[in-house]
């Protein structure tokens, strides 16, 4: 599942994964530009994603052309981060907000004890906490009954969330993906 970005056109799932990997490899340093990303692709950054089966060989072969098209449109100095600002769907945003508003029922038992003793210790819910809430079922049932989420979309919510977790990890904060 490709998640929408704030860029007028979206990038492929493979390029999104490559950009995410490039950002992880350069954490704490300057954000890579499209020119640096093009060089990283030439140097084999996608090989790790190929080995783990996260992208196909065909997708890897298409990466240089896709980056060249972005460079043509946005320039070599465009930062790669502008291509991976994700927005969740309206229904998943509703789920996120419900968990953010009342995270305690979905926290691990150890965290629940900590928050009872110190309510200020509650951290914003992560994507993993939202997934746990969705898997328990009562949250989605309640939101469906309230008409807060579309019943036709409830089966795609987990897929959308799993894509976010695949790209950013379960510890990423849910609030970072709200519009």
C-alpha atoms as a PDB file:
ATOM      1  CA  UNK A   1       0.000   0.000   0.000  1.00  0.00           C
ATOM      2  CA  UNK A   2       1.412   3.386  -0.991  1.00  0.00           C
ATOM      3  CA  UNK A   3       0.500   6.130   1.430  1.00  0.00           C
ATOM      4  CA  UNK A   4      -0.257   9.634   0.175  1.00  0.00           C
ATOM      5  CA  UNK A   5       2.476  12.248   0.497  1.00  0.00           C
ATOM      6  CA  UNK A   6       2.370  16.013   0.610  1.00  0.00           C
ATOM      7  CA  UNK A   7       4.112  16.186  -2.762  1.00  0.00           C
ATOM      8  CA  UNK A   8       1.839  16.782  -5.755  1.00  0.00           C
ATOM      9  CA  UNK A   9       2.737  13.381  -7.210  1.00  0.00           C
ATOM     10  CA  UNK A  10       3.501  10.317  -5.155  1.00  0.00           C
ATOM     11  CA  UNK A  11       6.597   8.187  -5.355  1.00  0.00           C
ATOM     12  CA  UNK A  12       6.619   4.428  -5.712  1.00  0.00           C
ATOM     13  CA  UNK A  13       6.578   2.188  -2.676  1.00  0.00           C
ATOM     14  CA  UNK A  14      10.099   1.011  -3.580  1.00  0.00           C
ATOM     15  CA  UNK A  15      11.439   4.559  -3.692  1.00  0.00           C
ATOM     16  CA  UNK A  16       9.668   5.359  -0.428  1.00  0.00           C
ATOM     17  CA  UNK A  17      11.459   2.416   1.203  1.00  0.00           C
ATOM     18  CA  UNK A  18      14.806   3.488  -0.293  1.00  0.00           C
ATOM     19  CA  UNK A  19      14.325   7.064   0.937  1.00  0.00           C
ATOM     20  CA  UNK A  20      13.411   5.785   4.384  1.00  0.00           C
ATOM     21  CA  UNK A  21      16.532   3.587   4.437  1.00  0.00           C
ATOM     22  CA  UNK A  22      18.697   6.486   3.270  1.00  0.00           C
ATOM     23  CA  UNK A  23      17.310   8.649   6.056  1.00  0.00           C
ATOM     24  CA  UNK A  24      18.033   5.956   8.633  1.00  0.00           C
ATOM     25  CA  UNK A  25      21.598   5.579   7.359  1.00  0.00           C
ATOM     26  CA  UNK A  26      22.210   9.334   7.579  1.00  0.00           C
ATOM     27  CA  UNK A  27      20.436   9.914  10.898  1.00  0.00           C
ATOM     28  CA  UNK A  28      22.083  12.727  12.789  1.00  0.00           C
ATOM     29  CA  UNK A  29      23.646  14.167   9.641  1.00  0.00           C
ATOM     30  CA  UNK A  30      22.305  16.392   6.897  1.00  0.00           C
ATOM     31  CA  UNK A  31      19.186  15.145   5.158  1.00  0.00           C
ATOM     32  CA  UNK A  32      20.089  13.657   1.768  1.00  0.00           C
ATOM     33  CA  UNK A  33      19.177  15.453  -1.446  1.00  0.00           C
ATOM     34  CA  UNK A  34      17.862  13.792  -4.584  1.00  0.00           C
ATOM     35  CA  UNK A  35      21.401  13.950  -6.037  1.00  0.00           C
ATOM     36  CA  UNK A  36      22.767  12.076  -3.021  1.00  0.00           C
ATOM     37  CA  UNK A  37      19.896   9.602  -3.241  1.00  0.00           C
ATOM     38  CA  UNK A  38      20.679   8.972  -6.913  1.00  0.00           C
ATOM     39  CA  UNK A  39      24.299   8.225  -5.959  1.00  0.00           C
ATOM     40  CA  UNK A  40      23.183   5.982  -3.095  1.00  0.00           C
ATOM     41  CA  UNK A  41      21.039   4.002  -5.517  1.00  0.00           C
ATOM     42  CA  UNK A  42      24.007   3.669  -7.882  1.00  0.00           C
ATOM     43  CA  UNK A  43      26.069   2.481  -4.890  1.00  0.00           C
ATOM     44  CA  UNK A  44      23.521  -0.268  -4.142  1.00  0.00           C
ATOM     45  CA  UNK A  45      21.395   1.050  -1.275  1.00  0.00           C
ATOM     46  CA  UNK A  46      18.442  -0.960  -2.606  1.00  0.00           C
ATOM     47  CA  UNK A  47      20.341  -4.263  -2.288  1.00  0.00           C
ATOM     48  CA  UNK A  48      19.364  -4.622   1.376  1.00  0.00           C
ATOM     49  CA  UNK A  49      15.702  -4.164   0.484  1.00  0.00           C
ATOM     50  CA  UNK A  50      16.037  -6.722  -2.310  1.00  0.00           C
ATOM     51  CA  UNK A  51      17.647  -9.281   0.016  1.00  0.00           C
ATOM     52  CA  UNK A  52      14.855  -8.948   2.559  1.00  0.00           C
ATOM     53  CA  UNK A  53      12.162  -9.124  -0.124  1.00  0.00           C
ATOM     54  CA  UNK A  54      10.794  -5.665   0.601  1.00  0.00           C
ATOM     55  CA  UNK A  55      11.161  -4.652  -3.047  1.00  0.00           C
ATOM     56  CA  UNK A  56      11.324  -6.625  -6.281  1.00  0.00           C
ATOM     57  CA  UNK A  57      14.193  -6.627  -8.756  1.00  0.00           C
ATOM     58  CA  UNK A  58      11.979  -4.841 -11.281  1.00  0.00           C
ATOM     59  CA  UNK A  59      11.237  -2.106  -8.742  1.00  0.00           C
ATOM     60  CA  UNK A  60      14.952  -1.753  -8.008  1.00  0.00           C
ATOM     61  CA  UNK A  61      15.725  -1.376 -11.712  1.00  0.00           C
ATOM     62  CA  UNK A  62      13.121   1.401 -11.989  1.00  0.00           C
ATOM     63  CA  UNK A  63      14.585   3.463  -9.131  1.00  0.00           C
ATOM     64  CA  UNK A  64      17.232   5.439 -11.089  1.00  0.00           C
ATOM     65  CA  UNK A  65      14.679   6.554 -13.675  1.00  0.00           C
ATOM     66  CA  UNK A  66      12.179   7.537 -11.000  1.00  0.00           C
ATOM     67  CA  UNK A  67      14.785   9.604  -9.147  1.00  0.00           C
ATOM     68  CA  UNK A  68      15.888  11.244 -12.405  1.00  0.00           C
ATOM     69  CA  UNK A  69      12.269  12.249 -13.069  1.00  0.00           C
ATOM     70  CA  UNK A  70      12.046  13.778  -9.585  1.00  0.00           C
ATOM     71  CA  UNK A  71      15.321  15.630 -10.161  1.00  0.00           C
ATOM     72  CA  UNK A  72      13.983  16.936 -13.447  1.00  0.00           C
ATOM     73  CA  UNK A  73      10.861  18.228 -11.704  1.00  0.00           C
ATOM     74  CA  UNK A  74      12.241  19.354  -8.313  1.00  0.00           C
ATOM     75  CA  UNK A  75      16.005  19.764  -8.844  1.00  0.00           C
ATOM     76  CA  UNK A  76      19.022  17.889  -7.498  1.00  0.00           C
ATOM     77  CA  UNK A  77      19.069  19.825  -4.233  1.00  0.00           C
ATOM     78  CA  UNK A  78      15.499  18.880  -3.217  1.00  0.00           C
ATOM     79  CA  UNK A  79      15.572  17.122   0.137  1.00  0.00           C
ATOM     80  CA  UNK A  80      14.274  13.562   0.087  1.00  0.00           C
ATOM     81  CA  UNK A  81      12.138  14.214   3.165  1.00  0.00           C
ATOM     82  CA  UNK A  82       9.670  16.193   1.082  1.00  0.00           C
ATOM     83  CA  UNK A  83       8.701  12.978  -0.666  1.00  0.00           C
ATOM     84  CA  UNK A  84       7.759  10.928   2.391  1.00  0.00           C
ATOM     85  CA  UNK A  85       5.507  13.051   4.566  1.00  0.00           C
ATOM     86  CA  UNK A  86       2.694  10.634   5.042  1.00  0.00           C
ATOM     87  CA  UNK A  87      -0.892  11.403   5.757  1.00  0.00           C
ATOM     88  CA  UNK A  88      -3.179   8.704   6.992  1.00  0.00           C
ATOM     89  CA  UNK A  89      -6.668   8.238   5.618  1.00  0.00           C
ATOM     90  CA  UNK A  90      -9.521  10.013   7.348  1.00  0.00           C
ATOM     91  CA  UNK A  91     -10.734   6.765   8.936  1.00  0.00           C
ATOM     92  CA  UNK A  92      -7.297   5.813  10.258  1.00  0.00           C
ATOM     93  CA  UNK A  93      -6.872   9.371  11.548  1.00  0.00           C
ATOM     94  CA  UNK A  94     -10.127   8.845  13.486  1.00  0.00           C
ATOM     95  CA  UNK A  95      -8.730   5.631  14.970  1.00  0.00           C
ATOM     96  CA  UNK A  96      -5.442   7.377  15.840  1.00  0.00           C
ATOM     97  CA  UNK A  97      -7.293  10.224  17.527  1.00  0.00           C
ATOM     98  CA  UNK A  98      -9.448   7.832  19.554  1.00  0.00           C
ATOM     99  CA  UNK A  99      -6.328   6.087  20.857  1.00  0.00           C
ATOM    100  CA  UNK A 100      -4.546   9.387  21.477  1.00  0.00           C
ATOM    101  CA  UNK A 101      -7.552  10.657  23.435  1.00  0.00           C
ATOM    102  CA  UNK A 102      -7.712   7.529  25.621  1.00  0.00           C
ATOM    103  CA  UNK A 103      -4.527   5.420  25.342  1.00  0.00           C
ATOM    104  CA  UNK A 104      -4.658   3.639  28.702  1.00  0.00           C
ATOM    105  CA  UNK A 105      -6.809   0.632  27.676  1.00  0.00           C
ATOM    106  CA  UNK A 106      -4.263  -0.258  24.994  1.00  0.00           C
ATOM    107  CA  UNK A 107      -1.013   0.145  26.929  1.00  0.00           C
ATOM    108  CA  UNK A 108       1.135  -2.740  28.116  1.00  0.00           C
ATOM    109  CA  UNK A 109       0.328  -3.737  31.741  1.00  0.00           C
ATOM    110  CA  UNK A 110       3.689  -2.365  32.976  1.00  0.00           C
ATOM    111  CA  UNK A 111       2.974   1.009  31.372  1.00  0.00           C
ATOM    112  CA  UNK A 112      -0.534   1.065  32.820  1.00  0.00           C
ATOM    113  CA  UNK A 113       0.909   0.754  36.353  1.00  0.00           C
ATOM    114  CA  UNK A 114       3.387   3.557  35.634  1.00  0.00           C
ATOM    115  CA  UNK A 115       0.687   5.873  34.303  1.00  0.00           C
ATOM    116  CA  UNK A 116      -1.595   5.278  37.293  1.00  0.00           C
ATOM    117  CA  UNK A 117       1.257   6.248  39.617  1.00  0.00           C
ATOM    118  CA  UNK A 118       2.349   9.146  37.447  1.00  0.00           C
ATOM    119  CA  UNK A 119      -0.200  10.376  34.873  1.00  0.00           C
ATOM    120  CA  UNK A 120       2.433  12.714  33.433  1.00  0.00           C
ATOM    121  CA  UNK A 121       4.439   9.658  32.358  1.00  0.00           C
ATOM    122  CA  UNK A 122       1.995   8.814  29.576  1.00  0.00           C
ATOM    123  CA  UNK A 123       3.751   9.108  26.251  1.00  0.00           C
ATOM    124  CA  UNK A 124       1.804   9.694  23.058  1.00  0.00           C
ATOM    125  CA  UNK A 125       0.647   6.372  21.580  1.00  0.00           C
ATOM    126  CA  UNK A 126       2.902   4.704  19.055  1.00  0.00           C
ATOM    127  CA  UNK A 127       1.839   2.897  15.895  1.00  0.00           C
ATOM    128  CA  UNK A 128       2.254  -0.385  17.810  1.00  0.00           C
ATOM    129  CA  UNK A 129      -0.191   0.801  20.473  1.00  0.00           C
ATOM    130  CA  UNK A 130      -2.699   1.742  17.764  1.00  0.00           C
ATOM    131  CA  UNK A 131      -2.266  -1.691  16.170  1.00  0.00           C
ATOM    132  CA  UNK A 132      -2.875  -3.382  19.530  1.00  0.00           C
ATOM    133  CA  UNK A 133      -6.019  -1.274  19.970  1.00  0.00           C
ATOM    134  CA  UNK A 134      -7.262  -2.239  16.526  1.00  0.00           C
ATOM    135  CA  UNK A 135      -6.534  -5.926  17.084  1.00  0.00           C
ATOM    136  CA  UNK A 136      -8.537  -5.950  20.310  1.00  0.00           C
ATOM    137  CA  UNK A 137     -11.571  -5.120  18.198  1.00  0.00           C
ATOM    138  CA  UNK A 138     -13.625  -3.110  20.668  1.00  0.00           C
ATOM    139  CA  UNK A 139     -12.272   0.223  19.429  1.00  0.00           C
ATOM    140  CA  UNK A 140     -13.156  -0.437  15.789  1.00  0.00           C
ATOM    141  CA  UNK A 141     -16.540  -1.836  16.783  1.00  0.00           C
ATOM    142  CA  UNK A 142     -17.296   1.285  18.804  1.00  0.00           C
ATOM    143  CA  UNK A 143     -16.136   3.641  16.038  1.00  0.00           C
ATOM    144  CA  UNK A 144     -18.173   1.724  13.460  1.00  0.00           C
ATOM    145  CA  UNK A 145     -21.275   1.818  15.696  1.00  0.00           C
ATOM    146  CA  UNK A 146     -20.834   5.562  16.192  1.00  0.00           C
ATOM    147  CA  UNK A 147     -20.531   6.048  12.443  1.00  0.00           C
ATOM    148  CA  UNK A 148     -17.094   7.595  12.952  1.00  0.00           C
ATOM    149  CA  UNK A 149     -15.459   5.325  10.366  1.00  0.00           C
ATOM    150  CA  UNK A 150     -16.794   3.979   7.095  1.00  0.00           C
ATOM    151  CA  UNK A 151     -17.740   0.286   7.331  1.00  0.00           C
ATOM    152  CA  UNK A 152     -16.491  -0.240   3.778  1.00  0.00           C
ATOM    153  CA  UNK A 153     -13.009   0.933   4.768  1.00  0.00           C
ATOM    154  CA  UNK A 154     -12.517  -0.844   8.073  1.00  0.00           C
ATOM    155  CA  UNK A 155     -10.787  -3.841   6.454  1.00  0.00           C
ATOM    156  CA  UNK A 156      -8.161  -1.615   4.789  1.00  0.00           C
ATOM    157  CA  UNK A 157      -7.226   0.204   8.000  1.00  0.00           C
ATOM    158  CA  UNK A 158      -4.928  -2.564   9.239  1.00  0.00           C
ATOM    159  CA  UNK A 159      -3.195  -2.736   5.860  1.00  0.00           C
ATOM    160  CA  UNK A 160      -2.614   1.006   5.940  1.00  0.00           C
ATOM    161  CA  UNK A 161      -1.299   0.820   9.507  1.00  0.00           C
ATOM    162  CA  UNK A 162       0.955  -2.141   8.664  1.00  0.00           C
ATOM    163  CA  UNK A 163       2.455  -0.117   5.811  1.00  0.00           C
ATOM    164  CA  UNK A 164       3.227   2.750   8.191  1.00  0.00           C
ATOM    165  CA  UNK A 165       4.807   0.310  10.648  1.00  0.00           C
ATOM    166  CA  UNK A 166       6.853  -1.283   7.873  1.00  0.00           C
ATOM    167  CA  UNK A 167       8.157   2.121   6.812  1.00  0.00           C
ATOM    168  CA  UNK A 168       8.639   3.760  10.217  1.00  0.00           C
ATOM    169  CA  UNK A 169       8.598   1.049  12.869  1.00  0.00           C
ATOM    170  CA  UNK A 170       6.117   0.374  15.624  1.00  0.00           C
ATOM    171  CA  UNK A 171       7.633   2.990  17.931  1.00  0.00           C
ATOM    172  CA  UNK A 172       6.797   5.907  15.611  1.00  0.00           C
ATOM    173  CA  UNK A 173       4.262   8.217  17.223  1.00  0.00           C
ATOM    174  CA  UNK A 174       0.742   8.037  15.815  1.00  0.00           C
ATOM    175  CA  UNK A 175       0.268  11.796  16.144  1.00  0.00           C
ATOM    176  CA  UNK A 176       3.056  12.404  13.601  1.00  0.00           C
ATOM    177  CA  UNK A 177       0.848  11.010  10.838  1.00  0.00           C
ATOM    178  CA  UNK A 178      -2.268  13.081  11.460  1.00  0.00           C
ATOM    179  CA  UNK A 179      -3.135  15.777   8.949  1.00  0.00           C
END
